[in-house]
Amino acid sequence: MEQLEFFQVPSPCVGVCSSDDKGYCNGCMRKREERFNWMSMTPSEQLHVIKLCRQRYRRKIMKQKNLVGKSVDEEGSTSPQRDHFG
C-alpha cells in the first residue's frame, strides 16, 4: 500500500462546469473522462490528472498571453483556475 492511499486527494473541481472547444472543463481543466472517473481512480492517478490539469492551465494562459500580447494577470483576470493552479 502506497502512503498516498492513506490520504484522499481533493477534487480539483471549482464549480465552473462547462467545457471548452477541446473538451476540457473551463473550471478544473479535466477531460470528461477524468471528471467522470475521478472517484474510481487511485490517489496516484488522481495526482497525475492534477499534474496534467496544471500543464493544460499553463498552456491556456500562455496562449492567451500570446494572443493578447500582454499578461492576463495585468488585465485583472478573475479566472477560477488562477487560485487553484497559481
Protein backbone atom coordinates (compact mmCIF):
# COMPACT_ATOMS: atom_id res chain seq x y z
CA MET A 1 0.00 0.00 0.00
CA GLU A 2 1.39 3.38 -1.02
CA GLN A 3 1.37 6.20 1.50
CA LEU A 4 -0.84 8.16 -0.88
CA GLU A 5 -3.61 5.66 -0.24
CA PHE A 6 -3.95 6.89 3.35
CA PHE A 7 -4.98 10.37 2.22
CA GLN A 8 -7.83 11.39 -0.03
CA VAL A 9 -6.80 13.59 -2.96
CA PRO A 10 -9.25 16.50 -3.16
CA SER A 11 -11.06 17.00 -6.43
CA PRO A 12 -9.77 19.97 -8.45
CA CYS A 13 -13.36 20.99 -9.23
CA VAL A 14 -14.02 24.71 -8.68
CA GLY A 15 -17.70 24.63 -9.60
CA VAL A 16 -17.37 26.08 -13.11
CA CYS A 17 -18.71 23.13 -15.08
CA SER A 18 -18.61 23.98 -18.75
CA SER A 19 -16.31 22.68 -21.46
CA ASP A 20 -14.14 24.49 -23.95
CA ASP A 21 -13.86 23.59 -27.63
CA LYS A 22 -11.26 20.90 -26.84
CA GLY A 23 -13.48 19.23 -24.24
CA TYR A 24 -11.62 20.44 -21.16
CA CYS A 25 -13.60 21.80 -18.23
CA ASN A 26 -13.26 25.58 -18.00
CA GLY A 27 -13.08 25.31 -14.23
CA CYS A 28 -10.64 22.49 -13.47
CA MET A 29 -9.16 21.69 -16.91
CA ARG A 30 -10.03 17.98 -16.67
CA LYS A 31 -11.26 15.99 -19.65
CA ARG A 32 -14.74 14.50 -19.47
CA GLU A 33 -13.39 11.01 -18.71
CA GLU A 34 -11.18 12.39 -15.95
CA ARG A 35 -14.15 14.12 -14.32
CA PHE A 36 -16.47 11.12 -14.57
CA ASN A 37 -13.88 8.57 -13.40
CA TRP A 38 -12.35 10.67 -10.59
CA MET A 39 -13.84 8.63 -7.75
CA SER A 40 -12.67 5.31 -9.20
CA MET A 41 -9.06 6.47 -9.74
CA THR A 42 -6.25 5.59 -7.38
CA PRO A 43 -4.65 8.50 -5.50
CA SER A 44 -1.58 8.34 -7.75
CA GLU A 45 -3.82 8.50 -10.85
CA GLN A 46 -5.66 11.48 -9.34
CA LEU A 47 -2.37 13.28 -8.68
CA HIS A 48 -1.32 12.59 -12.26
CA VAL A 49 -4.58 14.13 -13.52
CA ILE A 50 -3.96 17.21 -11.37
CA LYS A 51 -0.47 17.50 -12.86
CA LEU A 52 -1.99 17.32 -16.35
CA CYS A 53 -4.54 19.99 -15.39
CA ARG A 54 -1.77 22.32 -14.26
CA GLN A 55 0.02 21.84 -17.57
CA ARG A 56 -3.18 22.49 -19.52
CA TYR A 57 -3.86 25.63 -17.47
CA ARG A 58 -0.34 26.96 -18.09
CA ARG A 59 -0.66 26.30 -21.83
CA LYS A 60 -4.01 28.07 -21.86
CA ILE A 61 -2.58 31.11 -20.08
CA MET A 62 0.46 31.21 -22.38
CA LYS A 63 -1.82 31.04 -25.41
CA GLN A 64 -3.93 33.91 -24.02
CA LYS A 65 -0.80 35.96 -23.33
CA ASN A 66 0.42 35.40 -26.88
CA LEU A 67 -2.97 36.31 -28.38
CA VAL A 68 -3.41 39.45 -26.32
CA GLY A 69 0.22 40.49 -26.30
CA LYS A 70 0.36 41.11 -22.57
CA SER A 71 -0.09 39.18 -19.34
CA VAL A 72 -3.60 38.02 -18.50
CA ASP A 73 -2.85 38.91 -14.86
CA GLU A 74 -2.21 42.53 -15.89
CA GLU A 75 -5.72 42.60 -17.34
CA GLY A 76 -7.20 41.61 -13.99
CA SER A 77 -8.42 38.14 -14.99
CA THR A 78 -10.76 36.59 -12.43
CA SER A 79 -10.45 33.07 -13.78
CA PRO A 80 -11.21 30.47 -11.08
CA GLN A 81 -8.19 28.43 -12.21
CA ARG A 82 -5.75 31.12 -11.03
CA ASP A 83 -6.37 30.32 -7.38
CA HIS A 84 -6.29 26.57 -7.93
CA PHE A 85 -3.15 26.28 -10.06
CA GLY A 86 -1.35 29.58 -9.45
